[in-house]
């Protein structure tokens, strides 16, 4: 596993290096701004990127947009002091695979790196709470079960219960391609981008989601 660090505070970078070395994670480079990262990526590669949002010259959002535009295979994790739902939604839209608050435990960062490296997403407890709180504050009264078909509701219910994709395909006797189509339709119908936002919206409507559909 190769990890690159980007933060405009050198002391933070040094802290990351010590933490990751103690966890057996290989840090292959670091930069104090986004331009340094992009220059490095021209001739190098990393698996996971720890990225701050607020930086001079080329901030974290600029980096995400560039990586998305160039279809980079690097997996970014935002590690930041910002805990605002609108910002979290924006980084998800731009392709971030994880979001951790700097105030959270060091173990959070290590867990995020391992999860994202293994193809999963990782949003810390504070990040999840921020998204859920925003969803609960919305005035939208339309229920999930009013916009989803019975089959789509069943897929979402299993996702909320924690079943992985393979388990759901097995339980519902679906081909993987059919399952992906269901998830894409669900996301479009309820206006979310990825699985993380899908889960937070489902939590908002969880009581009605788990009731039998008439």
N, C-alpha and C. Protein backbone atom coordinates (compact mmCIF):
# COMPACT_ATOMS: atom_id res chain seq x y z
N UNK A 1 0.84 -1.19 0.00
CA UNK A 1 0.00 0.00 0.00
C UNK A 1 0.88 1.25 0.00
N UNK A 2 0.62 2.17 -0.93
CA UNK A 2 1.40 3.40 -1.02
C UNK A 2 0.48 4.60 -0.73
N UNK A 3 0.89 5.43 0.23
CA UNK A 3 0.07 6.57 0.66
C UNK A 3 0.83 7.87 0.47
N UNK A 4 0.15 8.87 -0.07
CA UNK A 4 0.73 10.21 -0.23
C UNK A 4 -0.03 11.17 0.68
N UNK A 5 0.67 12.14 1.28
CA UNK A 5 0.09 13.07 2.24
C UNK A 5 0.09 14.49 1.70
N UNK A 6 -1.04 15.19 1.86
CA UNK A 6 -1.10 16.60 1.45
C UNK A 6 -1.75 17.41 2.56
N UNK A 7 -0.98 18.32 3.15
CA UNK A 7 -1.49 19.23 4.17
C UNK A 7 -0.56 20.43 4.22
N UNK A 8 -1.13 21.62 4.41
CA UNK A 8 -0.29 22.81 4.37
C UNK A 8 0.43 23.08 5.70
N UNK A 9 0.28 22.20 6.67
CA UNK A 9 0.99 22.33 7.94
C UNK A 9 2.02 21.19 8.06
N UNK A 10 3.32 21.50 7.95
CA UNK A 10 4.35 20.47 8.02
C UNK A 10 4.27 19.61 9.28
N UNK A 11 3.86 20.22 10.42
CA UNK A 11 3.78 19.46 11.66
C UNK A 11 2.71 18.38 11.57
N UNK A 12 1.65 18.66 10.84
CA UNK A 12 0.59 17.66 10.64
C UNK A 12 1.12 16.51 9.80
N UNK A 13 1.85 16.84 8.74
CA UNK A 13 2.43 15.80 7.88
C UNK A 13 3.37 14.90 8.68
N UNK A 14 4.19 15.52 9.54
CA UNK A 14 5.11 14.72 10.35
C UNK A 14 4.34 13.79 11.29
N UNK A 15 3.23 14.30 11.83
CA UNK A 15 2.40 13.46 12.69
C UNK A 15 1.82 12.28 11.94
N UNK A 16 1.35 12.52 10.71
CA UNK A 16 0.83 11.43 9.88
C UNK A 16 1.92 10.39 9.62
N UNK A 17 3.11 10.86 9.30
CA UNK A 17 4.20 9.94 8.96
C UNK A 17 4.53 9.01 10.13
N UNK A 18 4.56 9.57 11.33
CA UNK A 18 4.83 8.76 12.52
C UNK A 18 3.70 7.75 12.74
N UNK A 19 2.47 8.23 12.64
CA UNK A 19 1.30 7.37 12.85
C UNK A 19 1.27 6.22 11.85
N UNK A 20 1.46 6.53 10.59
CA UNK A 20 1.34 5.50 9.55
C UNK A 20 2.52 4.52 9.59
N UNK A 21 3.70 5.03 9.91
CA UNK A 21 4.86 4.13 10.04
C UNK A 21 4.62 3.12 11.15
N UNK A 22 4.04 3.58 12.27
CA UNK A 22 3.76 2.70 13.39
C UNK A 22 2.71 1.66 13.04
N UNK A 23 1.90 1.95 12.03
CA UNK A 23 0.84 1.03 11.61
C UNK A 23 1.25 0.19 10.42
N UNK A 24 2.52 0.30 10.01
CA UNK A 24 3.02 -0.49 8.90
C UNK A 24 2.56 -0.02 7.54
N UNK A 25 2.20 1.26 7.44
CA UNK A 25 1.71 1.82 6.17
C UNK A 25 2.82 2.65 5.53
N UNK A 26 3.05 2.42 4.26
CA UNK A 26 4.15 3.04 3.54
C UNK A 26 3.78 4.42 3.00
N UNK A 27 4.42 5.47 3.51
CA UNK A 27 4.23 6.82 2.99
C UNK A 27 5.28 7.07 1.90
N UNK A 28 4.79 7.29 0.68
CA UNK A 28 5.72 7.41 -0.45
C UNK A 28 6.03 8.86 -0.81
N UNK A 29 5.33 9.81 -0.20
CA UNK A 29 5.61 11.20 -0.49
C UNK A 29 4.66 12.12 0.23
N UNK A 30 4.96 13.42 0.17
CA UNK A 30 4.09 14.41 0.82
C UNK A 30 4.27 15.76 0.15
N UNK A 31 3.27 16.62 0.35
CA UNK A 31 3.32 17.98 -0.21
C UNK A 31 2.50 18.90 0.69
N UNK A 32 2.85 20.19 0.68
CA UNK A 32 2.10 21.16 1.46
C UNK A 32 1.05 21.90 0.63
N UNK A 33 0.90 21.52 -0.63
CA UNK A 33 -0.17 22.10 -1.46
C UNK A 33 -0.52 21.15 -2.60
N UNK A 34 -1.63 21.43 -3.25
CA UNK A 34 -2.12 20.55 -4.30
C UNK A 34 -1.23 20.47 -5.51
N UNK A 35 -0.55 21.57 -5.85
CA UNK A 35 0.33 21.57 -7.02
C UNK A 35 1.48 20.58 -6.85
N UNK A 36 2.01 20.52 -5.63
CA UNK A 36 3.09 19.58 -5.37
C UNK A 36 2.66 18.14 -5.59
N UNK A 37 1.44 17.84 -5.20
CA UNK A 37 0.90 16.49 -5.43
C UNK A 37 0.80 16.20 -6.91
N UNK A 38 0.20 17.13 -7.68
CA UNK A 38 -0.01 16.88 -9.11
C UNK A 38 1.31 16.74 -9.84
N UNK A 39 2.31 17.54 -9.45
CA UNK A 39 3.64 17.40 -10.05
C UNK A 39 4.20 16.01 -9.77
N UNK A 40 4.02 15.55 -8.52
CA UNK A 40 4.54 14.23 -8.12
C UNK A 40 3.85 13.12 -8.89
N UNK A 41 2.53 13.25 -9.09
CA UNK A 41 1.77 12.20 -9.76
C UNK A 41 2.12 12.05 -11.24
N UNK A 42 2.76 13.05 -11.81
CA UNK A 42 3.13 12.95 -13.23
C UNK A 42 4.10 11.80 -13.48
N UNK A 43 4.91 11.46 -12.47
CA UNK A 43 5.90 10.40 -12.66
C UNK A 43 5.86 9.33 -11.58
N UNK A 44 4.84 9.41 -10.71
CA UNK A 44 4.77 8.47 -9.59
C UNK A 44 3.32 8.03 -9.39
N UNK A 45 3.15 7.08 -8.48
CA UNK A 45 1.81 6.57 -8.22
C UNK A 45 1.63 6.29 -6.73
N UNK A 46 0.43 6.54 -6.23
CA UNK A 46 0.08 6.13 -4.88
C UNK A 46 -1.30 5.47 -4.92
N UNK A 47 -1.57 4.63 -3.95
CA UNK A 47 -2.88 3.97 -3.87
C UNK A 47 -3.91 4.86 -3.20
N UNK A 48 -3.49 5.46 -2.08
CA UNK A 48 -4.40 6.26 -1.25
C UNK A 48 -3.78 7.63 -1.01
N UNK A 49 -4.64 8.63 -1.00
CA UNK A 49 -4.22 10.02 -0.80
C UNK A 49 -4.91 10.59 0.43
N UNK A 50 -4.13 11.07 1.42
CA UNK A 50 -4.69 11.82 2.53
C UNK A 50 -4.63 13.29 2.16
N UNK A 51 -5.77 13.95 2.13
CA UNK A 51 -5.85 15.28 1.53
C UNK A 51 -6.61 16.26 2.42
N UNK A 52 -5.99 17.40 2.70
CA UNK A 52 -6.66 18.48 3.42
C UNK A 52 -7.51 19.29 2.43
N UNK A 53 -8.49 20.01 2.94
CA UNK A 53 -9.33 20.84 2.06
C UNK A 53 -8.75 22.24 1.92
N UNK A 54 -8.49 22.89 3.04
CA UNK A 54 -8.05 24.29 3.01
C UNK A 54 -6.54 24.39 2.86
N UNK A 55 -6.10 24.74 1.65
CA UNK A 55 -4.68 24.90 1.36
C UNK A 55 -4.50 26.04 0.36
N UNK A 56 -3.33 26.70 0.37
CA UNK A 56 -3.07 27.75 -0.62
C UNK A 56 -2.77 27.17 -1.99
N UNK A 57 -2.89 27.98 -3.00
CA UNK A 57 -2.49 27.67 -4.38
C UNK A 57 -3.43 26.68 -5.09
N UNK A 58 -3.70 25.56 -4.47
CA UNK A 58 -4.53 24.55 -5.13
C UNK A 58 -5.12 23.70 -4.00
N UNK A 59 -6.38 23.99 -3.62
CA UNK A 59 -6.92 23.37 -2.41
C UNK A 59 -7.43 21.95 -2.66
N UNK A 60 -7.94 21.33 -1.61
CA UNK A 60 -8.36 19.94 -1.71
C UNK A 60 -9.47 19.69 -2.71
N UNK A 61 -10.43 20.61 -2.79
CA UNK A 61 -11.51 20.46 -3.76
C UNK A 61 -10.98 20.56 -5.19
N UNK A 62 -10.03 21.46 -5.41
CA UNK A 62 -9.41 21.57 -6.73
C UNK A 62 -8.71 20.26 -7.11
N UNK A 63 -8.03 19.67 -6.14
CA UNK A 63 -7.34 18.40 -6.39
C UNK A 63 -8.34 17.31 -6.76
N UNK A 64 -9.44 17.22 -6.00
CA UNK A 64 -10.45 16.20 -6.29
C UNK A 64 -11.01 16.36 -7.69
N UNK A 65 -11.32 17.59 -8.07
CA UNK A 65 -11.87 17.84 -9.40
C UNK A 65 -10.88 17.44 -10.49
N UNK A 66 -9.60 17.73 -10.25
CA UNK A 66 -8.57 17.36 -11.23
C UNK A 66 -8.46 15.84 -11.34
N UNK A 67 -8.43 15.15 -10.22
CA UNK A 67 -8.32 13.69 -10.23
C UNK A 67 -9.53 13.07 -10.93
N UNK A 68 -10.70 13.64 -10.68
CA UNK A 68 -11.91 13.12 -11.31
C UNK A 68 -11.87 13.36 -12.82
N UNK A 69 -11.43 14.53 -13.22
CA UNK A 69 -11.37 14.88 -14.64
C UNK A 69 -10.39 13.99 -15.39
N UNK A 70 -9.29 13.66 -14.75
CA UNK A 70 -8.26 12.84 -15.40
C UNK A 70 -8.49 11.34 -15.19
N UNK A 71 -9.59 11.00 -14.51
CA UNK A 71 -9.95 9.59 -14.25
C UNK A 71 -8.82 8.85 -13.53
N UNK A 72 -8.22 9.55 -12.57
CA UNK A 72 -7.13 8.96 -11.79
C UNK A 72 -7.65 7.80 -10.95
N UNK A 73 -6.80 6.79 -10.75
CA UNK A 73 -7.15 5.64 -9.93
C UNK A 73 -6.80 5.85 -8.45
N UNK A 74 -6.19 6.99 -8.14
CA UNK A 74 -5.86 7.30 -6.75
C UNK A 74 -7.14 7.45 -5.94
N UNK A 75 -7.13 6.93 -4.72
CA UNK A 75 -8.32 6.96 -3.86
C UNK A 75 -8.13 8.02 -2.77
N UNK A 76 -8.85 9.16 -2.86
CA UNK A 76 -8.63 10.25 -1.91
C UNK A 76 -9.46 10.10 -0.63
N UNK A 77 -8.83 10.44 0.48
CA UNK A 77 -9.52 10.55 1.77
C UNK A 77 -9.31 11.97 2.27
N UNK A 78 -10.40 12.66 2.56
CA UNK A 78 -10.28 14.01 3.10
C UNK A 78 -10.06 13.92 4.61
N UNK A 79 -9.02 14.59 5.10
CA UNK A 79 -8.77 14.69 6.54
C UNK A 79 -8.72 16.18 6.84
N UNK A 80 -9.74 16.68 7.51
CA UNK A 80 -9.94 18.12 7.59
C UNK A 80 -10.58 18.52 8.91
N UNK A 81 -10.60 19.82 9.16
CA UNK A 81 -11.27 20.35 10.36
C UNK A 81 -12.73 20.71 10.07
N UNK A 82 -13.11 20.71 8.80
CA UNK A 82 -14.47 21.10 8.43
C UNK A 82 -15.45 19.95 8.63
N UNK A 83 -16.52 20.23 9.38
CA UNK A 83 -17.55 19.21 9.58
C UNK A 83 -18.90 19.78 9.15
N UNK A 84 -18.99 20.16 7.90
CA UNK A 84 -20.22 20.73 7.35
C UNK A 84 -20.78 19.79 6.29
N UNK A 85 -22.06 19.50 6.40
CA UNK A 85 -22.69 18.52 5.51
C UNK A 85 -22.56 18.92 4.04
N UNK A 86 -22.67 20.22 3.75
CA UNK A 86 -22.59 20.64 2.35
C UNK A 86 -21.20 20.38 1.77
N UNK A 87 -20.17 20.54 2.59
CA UNK A 87 -18.81 20.26 2.13
C UNK A 87 -18.62 18.76 1.95
N UNK A 88 -19.14 17.98 2.88
CA UNK A 88 -19.01 16.52 2.78
C UNK A 88 -19.71 16.03 1.51
N UNK A 89 -20.89 16.55 1.24
CA UNK A 89 -21.60 16.17 0.01
C UNK A 89 -20.79 16.53 -1.23
N UNK A 90 -20.16 17.71 -1.18
CA UNK A 90 -19.40 18.17 -2.34
C UNK A 90 -18.20 17.26 -2.61
N UNK A 91 -17.48 16.85 -1.56
CA UNK A 91 -16.31 15.99 -1.79
C UNK A 91 -16.73 14.60 -2.26
N UNK A 92 -17.90 14.14 -1.82
CA UNK A 92 -18.43 12.88 -2.34
C UNK A 92 -18.70 13.01 -3.84
N UNK A 93 -19.30 14.12 -4.22
CA UNK A 93 -19.60 14.38 -5.63
C UNK A 93 -18.32 14.40 -6.46
N UNK A 94 -17.24 14.90 -5.87
CA UNK A 94 -15.97 15.01 -6.59
C UNK A 94 -15.11 13.75 -6.47
N UNK A 95 -15.63 12.71 -5.84
CA UNK A 95 -14.94 11.42 -5.88
C UNK A 95 -14.17 11.00 -4.65
N UNK A 96 -14.29 11.72 -3.53
CA UNK A 96 -13.59 11.30 -2.32
C UNK A 96 -14.15 9.95 -1.85
N UNK A 97 -13.26 9.10 -1.37
CA UNK A 97 -13.66 7.77 -0.88
C UNK A 97 -13.77 7.72 0.63
N UNK A 98 -13.33 8.80 1.30
CA UNK A 98 -13.41 8.83 2.75
C UNK A 98 -13.39 10.25 3.28
N UNK A 99 -13.81 10.41 4.53
CA UNK A 99 -13.85 11.73 5.16
C UNK A 99 -13.66 11.54 6.66
N UNK A 100 -12.59 12.15 7.19
CA UNK A 100 -12.27 12.03 8.61
C UNK A 100 -11.99 13.42 9.17
N UNK A 101 -12.45 13.69 10.38
CA UNK A 101 -12.17 14.96 11.03
C UNK A 101 -10.83 14.88 11.77
N UNK A 102 -10.05 15.95 11.70
CA UNK A 102 -8.74 15.96 12.36
C UNK A 102 -8.85 15.78 13.86
N UNK A 103 -9.97 16.18 14.42
CA UNK A 103 -10.15 16.07 15.87
C UNK A 103 -10.44 14.65 16.31
N UNK A 104 -10.73 13.76 15.38
CA UNK A 104 -11.03 12.38 15.74
C UNK A 104 -9.76 11.59 16.00
N UNK A 105 -9.93 10.37 16.49
CA UNK A 105 -8.78 9.59 16.92
C UNK A 105 -7.87 9.23 15.75
N UNK A 106 -6.60 9.01 16.08
CA UNK A 106 -5.63 8.59 15.07
C UNK A 106 -6.05 7.28 14.42
N UNK A 107 -6.67 6.41 15.21
CA UNK A 107 -7.11 5.12 14.67
C UNK A 107 -8.10 5.29 13.53
N UNK A 108 -8.85 6.38 13.57
CA UNK A 108 -9.82 6.68 12.51
C UNK A 108 -9.13 6.79 11.16
N UNK A 109 -7.99 7.48 11.14
CA UNK A 109 -7.25 7.68 9.89
C UNK A 109 -6.72 6.36 9.37
N UNK A 110 -6.16 5.56 10.26
CA UNK A 110 -5.63 4.25 9.86
C UNK A 110 -6.75 3.36 9.33
N UNK A 111 -7.89 3.34 10.04
CA UNK A 111 -9.03 2.53 9.59
C UNK A 111 -9.53 2.99 8.23
N UNK A 112 -9.53 4.32 8.02
CA UNK A 112 -10.00 4.87 6.75
C UNK A 112 -9.09 4.44 5.61
N UNK A 113 -7.79 4.51 5.81
CA UNK A 113 -6.83 4.12 4.78
C UNK A 113 -7.00 2.66 4.41
N UNK A 114 -7.11 1.80 5.40
CA UNK A 114 -7.25 0.36 5.14
C UNK A 114 -8.55 0.06 4.41
N UNK A 115 -9.64 0.72 4.83
CA UNK A 115 -10.93 0.48 4.18
C UNK A 115 -10.92 0.93 2.73
N UNK A 116 -10.44 2.13 2.49
CA UNK A 116 -10.43 2.69 1.14
C UNK A 116 -9.48 1.90 0.24
N UNK A 117 -8.34 1.51 0.75
CA UNK A 117 -7.40 0.71 -0.04
C UNK A 117 -8.04 -0.61 -0.49
N UNK A 118 -8.91 -1.15 0.35
CA UNK A 118 -9.58 -2.42 0.04
C UNK A 118 -10.89 -2.25 -0.72
N UNK A 119 -11.09 -1.05 -1.30
CA UNK A 119 -12.22 -0.84 -2.18
C UNK A 119 -13.49 -0.39 -1.51
N UNK A 120 -13.43 -0.06 -0.23
CA UNK A 120 -14.62 0.40 0.48
C UNK A 120 -14.57 1.92 0.64
N UNK A 121 -15.62 2.49 1.21
CA UNK A 121 -15.60 3.90 1.58
C UNK A 121 -15.55 3.99 3.09
N UNK A 122 -15.08 5.14 3.60
CA UNK A 122 -15.00 5.32 5.05
C UNK A 122 -15.35 6.76 5.39
N UNK A 123 -16.47 6.93 6.08
CA UNK A 123 -16.87 8.25 6.57
C UNK A 123 -17.01 8.14 8.08
N UNK A 124 -16.26 8.97 8.79
CA UNK A 124 -16.19 8.86 10.24
C UNK A 124 -17.55 9.14 10.87
N UNK A 125 -17.63 8.85 12.15
CA UNK A 125 -18.90 9.03 12.87
C UNK A 125 -19.38 10.47 12.82
N UNK A 126 -18.47 11.43 13.01
CA UNK A 126 -18.86 12.84 12.98
C UNK A 126 -19.33 13.26 11.59
N UNK A 127 -18.67 12.73 10.55
CA UNK A 127 -19.09 13.05 9.18
C UNK A 127 -20.47 12.47 8.90
N UNK A 128 -20.71 11.24 9.32
CA UNK A 128 -22.02 10.63 9.11
C UNK A 128 -23.10 11.40 9.86
N UNK A 129 -22.80 11.80 11.09
CA UNK A 129 -23.78 12.56 11.88
C UNK A 129 -24.14 13.88 11.21
N UNK A 130 -23.14 14.54 10.61
CA UNK A 130 -23.40 15.83 9.94
C UNK A 130 -24.36 15.65 8.78
N UNK A 131 -24.17 14.60 7.99
CA UNK A 131 -25.05 14.34 6.86
C UNK A 131 -26.46 13.98 7.34
N UNK A 132 -26.55 13.13 8.33
CA UNK A 132 -27.85 12.70 8.85
C UNK A 132 -28.60 13.89 9.43
N UNK A 133 -27.90 14.75 10.19
CA UNK A 133 -28.55 15.93 10.77
C UNK A 133 -29.12 16.83 9.68
N UNK A 134 -28.37 17.01 8.59
CA UNK A 134 -28.86 17.85 7.50
C UNK A 134 -30.10 17.23 6.87
N UNK A 135 -30.08 15.91 6.68
CA UNK A 135 -31.24 15.24 6.09
C UNK A 135 -32.46 15.38 6.98
N UNK A 136 -32.27 15.31 8.29
CA UNK A 136 -33.39 15.41 9.23
C UNK A 136 -33.98 16.82 9.27
N UNK A 137 -33.17 17.80 8.88
CA UNK A 137 -33.64 19.19 8.90
C UNK A 137 -34.40 19.58 7.64
N UNK A 138 -34.37 18.74 6.61
CA UNK A 138 -35.06 19.08 5.38
C UNK A 138 -36.55 19.01 5.57
N UNK A 139 -37.28 19.72 4.73
CA UNK A 139 -38.73 19.79 4.84
C UNK A 139 -39.43 18.80 3.92
N UNK A 140 -38.64 18.00 3.23
CA UNK A 140 -39.21 17.06 2.27
C UNK A 140 -40.07 16.02 2.99
N UNK A 141 -41.32 15.88 2.56
CA UNK A 141 -42.25 14.96 3.21
C UNK A 141 -42.47 13.68 2.41
N UNK A 142 -41.90 13.59 1.22
CA UNK A 142 -42.09 12.40 0.39
C UNK A 142 -41.35 11.23 1.01
N UNK A 143 -42.03 10.11 1.17
CA UNK A 143 -41.42 8.94 1.78
C UNK A 143 -40.68 8.12 0.73
N UNK A 144 -39.61 7.47 1.18
CA UNK A 144 -38.84 6.62 0.27
C UNK A 144 -39.75 5.58 -0.37
N UNK A 145 -40.63 4.99 0.41
CA UNK A 145 -41.49 3.93 -0.11
C UNK A 145 -42.52 4.44 -1.10
N UNK A 146 -42.67 5.76 -1.18
CA UNK A 146 -43.61 6.33 -2.15
C UNK A 146 -42.97 6.47 -3.53
N UNK A 147 -41.64 6.49 -3.59
CA UNK A 147 -40.98 6.71 -4.87
C UNK A 147 -40.25 5.47 -5.39
N UNK A 148 -40.09 4.47 -4.53
CA UNK A 148 -39.41 3.25 -4.94
C UNK A 148 -40.40 2.12 -5.17
N UNK A 149 -40.05 1.24 -6.10
CA UNK A 149 -40.86 0.05 -6.31
C UNK A 149 -40.65 -0.92 -5.14
N UNK A 150 -41.48 -1.93 -5.07
CA UNK A 150 -41.35 -2.92 -4.00
C UNK A 150 -39.98 -3.58 -4.05
N UNK A 151 -39.51 -3.90 -5.25
CA UNK A 151 -38.22 -4.57 -5.42
C UNK A 151 -37.08 -3.63 -5.03
N UNK A 152 -37.17 -2.36 -5.43
CA UNK A 152 -36.15 -1.38 -5.08
C UNK A 152 -36.10 -1.16 -3.56
N UNK A 153 -37.26 -1.13 -2.94
CA UNK A 153 -37.33 -0.98 -1.49
C UNK A 153 -36.66 -2.16 -0.79
N UNK A 154 -36.84 -3.35 -1.33
CA UNK A 154 -36.22 -4.54 -0.75
C UNK A 154 -34.70 -4.46 -0.84
N UNK A 155 -34.19 -3.99 -1.99
CA UNK A 155 -32.75 -3.82 -2.14
C UNK A 155 -32.22 -2.83 -1.11
N UNK A 156 -32.88 -1.69 -0.98
CA UNK A 156 -32.44 -0.67 -0.05
C UNK A 156 -32.51 -1.17 1.39
N UNK A 157 -33.54 -1.88 1.72
CA UNK A 157 -33.70 -2.43 3.07
C UNK A 157 -32.52 -3.33 3.42
N UNK A 158 -32.10 -4.18 2.49
CA UNK A 158 -30.97 -5.08 2.75
C UNK A 158 -29.66 -4.30 2.87
N UNK A 159 -29.51 -3.24 2.08
CA UNK A 159 -28.32 -2.40 2.20
C UNK A 159 -28.25 -1.76 3.58
N UNK A 160 -29.38 -1.24 4.07
CA UNK A 160 -29.43 -0.61 5.38
C UNK A 160 -29.14 -1.62 6.49
N UNK A 161 -29.56 -2.85 6.29
CA UNK A 161 -29.32 -3.90 7.29
C UNK A 161 -27.87 -4.35 7.32
N UNK A 162 -27.07 -3.90 6.35
CA UNK A 162 -25.64 -4.19 6.38
C UNK A 162 -25.18 -5.34 5.50
N UNK A 163 -26.06 -5.87 4.67
CA UNK A 163 -25.65 -6.94 3.77
C UNK A 163 -24.78 -6.38 2.66
N UNK A 164 -23.75 -7.13 2.26
CA UNK A 164 -22.92 -6.65 1.16
C UNK A 164 -23.55 -7.03 -0.18
N UNK A 165 -22.94 -6.54 -1.24
CA UNK A 165 -23.53 -6.71 -2.58
C UNK A 165 -23.75 -8.17 -2.94
N UNK A 166 -22.76 -9.01 -2.66
CA UNK A 166 -22.87 -10.43 -3.01
C UNK A 166 -24.01 -11.11 -2.26
N UNK A 167 -24.15 -10.77 -0.96
CA UNK A 167 -25.22 -11.35 -0.16
C UNK A 167 -26.59 -10.97 -0.70
N UNK A 168 -26.72 -9.71 -1.10
CA UNK A 168 -28.00 -9.23 -1.61
C UNK A 168 -28.35 -9.93 -2.93
N UNK A 169 -27.34 -10.05 -3.79
CA UNK A 169 -27.57 -10.76 -5.06
C UNK A 169 -28.03 -12.19 -4.80
N UNK A 170 -27.43 -12.83 -3.81
CA UNK A 170 -27.79 -14.21 -3.49
C UNK A 170 -29.20 -14.29 -2.91
N UNK A 171 -29.50 -13.41 -1.95
CA UNK A 171 -30.81 -13.44 -1.30
C UNK A 171 -31.94 -13.14 -2.28
N UNK A 172 -31.69 -12.19 -3.20
CA UNK A 172 -32.74 -11.77 -4.12
C UNK A 172 -32.64 -12.46 -5.48
N UNK A 173 -31.65 -13.35 -5.61
CA UNK A 173 -31.43 -14.07 -6.86
C UNK A 173 -31.28 -13.11 -8.04
N UNK A 174 -30.35 -12.17 -7.84
CA UNK A 174 -30.08 -11.14 -8.85
C UNK A 174 -28.70 -11.35 -9.46
N UNK A 175 -28.58 -11.02 -10.72
CA UNK A 175 -27.27 -10.94 -11.34
C UNK A 175 -26.60 -9.65 -10.85
N UNK A 176 -25.27 -9.63 -10.73
CA UNK A 176 -24.59 -8.40 -10.28
C UNK A 176 -24.95 -7.18 -11.12
N UNK A 177 -25.09 -7.37 -12.43
CA UNK A 177 -25.44 -6.23 -13.30
C UNK A 177 -26.84 -5.72 -12.99
N UNK A 178 -27.76 -6.63 -12.68
CA UNK A 178 -29.13 -6.23 -12.33
C UNK A 178 -29.14 -5.49 -11.01
N UNK A 179 -28.36 -5.98 -10.05
CA UNK A 179 -28.26 -5.32 -8.75
C UNK A 179 -27.72 -3.90 -8.90
N UNK A 180 -26.68 -3.73 -9.72
CA UNK A 180 -26.13 -2.40 -9.95
C UNK A 180 -27.16 -1.47 -10.58
N UNK A 181 -27.98 -2.02 -11.46
CA UNK A 181 -29.04 -1.22 -12.10
C UNK A 181 -30.06 -0.76 -11.06
N UNK A 182 -30.40 -1.66 -10.14
CA UNK A 182 -31.33 -1.30 -9.07
C UNK A 182 -30.77 -0.15 -8.24
N UNK A 183 -29.51 -0.26 -7.85
CA UNK A 183 -28.91 0.79 -7.02
C UNK A 183 -28.87 2.12 -7.76
N UNK A 184 -28.55 2.07 -9.04
CA UNK A 184 -28.49 3.31 -9.82
C UNK A 184 -29.86 3.96 -9.92
N UNK A 185 -30.91 3.15 -10.12
CA UNK A 185 -32.27 3.69 -10.18
C UNK A 185 -32.69 4.28 -8.85
N UNK A 186 -32.34 3.61 -7.76
CA UNK A 186 -32.68 4.11 -6.43
C UNK A 186 -32.01 5.46 -6.19
N UNK A 187 -30.72 5.55 -6.53
CA UNK A 187 -30.00 6.81 -6.32
C UNK A 187 -30.63 7.95 -7.12
N UNK A 188 -30.99 7.67 -8.35
CA UNK A 188 -31.60 8.71 -9.19
C UNK A 188 -32.96 9.13 -8.66
N UNK A 189 -33.75 8.17 -8.19
CA UNK A 189 -35.10 8.48 -7.72
C UNK A 189 -35.10 9.34 -6.46
N UNK A 190 -34.12 9.10 -5.58
CA UNK A 190 -34.14 9.87 -4.32
C UNK A 190 -33.06 10.95 -4.30
N UNK A 191 -32.37 11.14 -5.45
CA UNK A 191 -31.50 12.30 -5.61
C UNK A 191 -30.23 12.28 -4.80
N UNK A 192 -29.55 11.13 -4.73
CA UNK A 192 -28.28 11.07 -4.03
C UNK A 192 -27.20 10.58 -4.98
N UNK A 193 -25.94 10.74 -4.56
CA UNK A 193 -24.81 10.44 -5.44
C UNK A 193 -24.26 9.05 -5.21
N UNK A 194 -23.89 8.74 -3.99
CA UNK A 194 -23.23 7.46 -3.72
C UNK A 194 -23.91 6.67 -2.62
N UNK A 195 -23.32 5.53 -2.27
CA UNK A 195 -23.90 4.65 -1.27
C UNK A 195 -23.96 5.29 0.11
N UNK A 196 -22.99 6.14 0.44
CA UNK A 196 -22.99 6.79 1.74
C UNK A 196 -24.21 7.68 1.90
N UNK A 197 -24.47 8.54 0.91
CA UNK A 197 -25.65 9.39 0.98
C UNK A 197 -26.93 8.57 0.92
N UNK A 198 -26.90 7.49 0.16
CA UNK A 198 -28.04 6.60 0.08
C UNK A 198 -28.40 6.08 1.46
N UNK A 199 -27.40 5.69 2.23
CA UNK A 199 -27.62 5.16 3.56
C UNK A 199 -28.17 6.22 4.51
N UNK A 200 -27.67 7.46 4.40
CA UNK A 200 -28.15 8.50 5.31
C UNK A 200 -29.60 8.85 5.04
N UNK A 201 -29.98 8.89 3.77
CA UNK A 201 -31.38 9.16 3.44
C UNK A 201 -32.27 8.02 3.93
N UNK A 202 -31.78 6.80 3.78
CA UNK A 202 -32.54 5.63 4.24
C UNK A 202 -32.73 5.67 5.75
N UNK A 203 -31.70 6.11 6.48
CA UNK A 203 -31.80 6.20 7.94
C UNK A 203 -32.90 7.18 8.32
N UNK A 204 -33.00 8.27 7.60
CA UNK A 204 -34.03 9.27 7.88
C UNK A 204 -35.43 8.65 7.78
N UNK A 205 -35.61 7.76 6.82
CA UNK A 205 -36.92 7.16 6.57
C UNK A 205 -36.99 5.73 7.09
N UNK A 206 -36.09 5.36 8.00
CA UNK A 206 -35.93 3.96 8.35
C UNK A 206 -37.21 3.33 8.89
N UNK A 207 -37.95 4.06 9.73
CA UNK A 207 -39.17 3.49 10.33
C UNK A 207 -40.15 3.05 9.25
N UNK A 208 -40.38 3.94 8.26
CA UNK A 208 -41.32 3.61 7.21
C UNK A 208 -40.73 2.61 6.23
N UNK A 209 -39.39 2.63 6.06
CA UNK A 209 -38.74 1.72 5.13
C UNK A 209 -38.93 0.27 5.57
N UNK A 210 -38.92 0.04 6.87
CA UNK A 210 -39.02 -1.31 7.38
C UNK A 210 -40.46 -1.77 7.63
N UNK A 211 -41.42 -0.91 7.31
CA UNK A 211 -42.82 -1.31 7.39
C UNK A 211 -43.20 -2.02 6.09
N UNK A 212 -44.11 -2.98 6.14
CA UNK A 212 -44.54 -3.66 4.91
C UNK A 212 -45.14 -2.65 3.93
N UNK A 213 -44.77 -2.77 2.67
CA UNK A 213 -45.30 -1.87 1.64
C UNK A 213 -46.69 -2.33 1.24
N UNK A 214 -47.65 -1.43 1.29
CA UNK A 214 -49.04 -1.77 0.95
C UNK A 214 -49.21 -2.00 -0.54
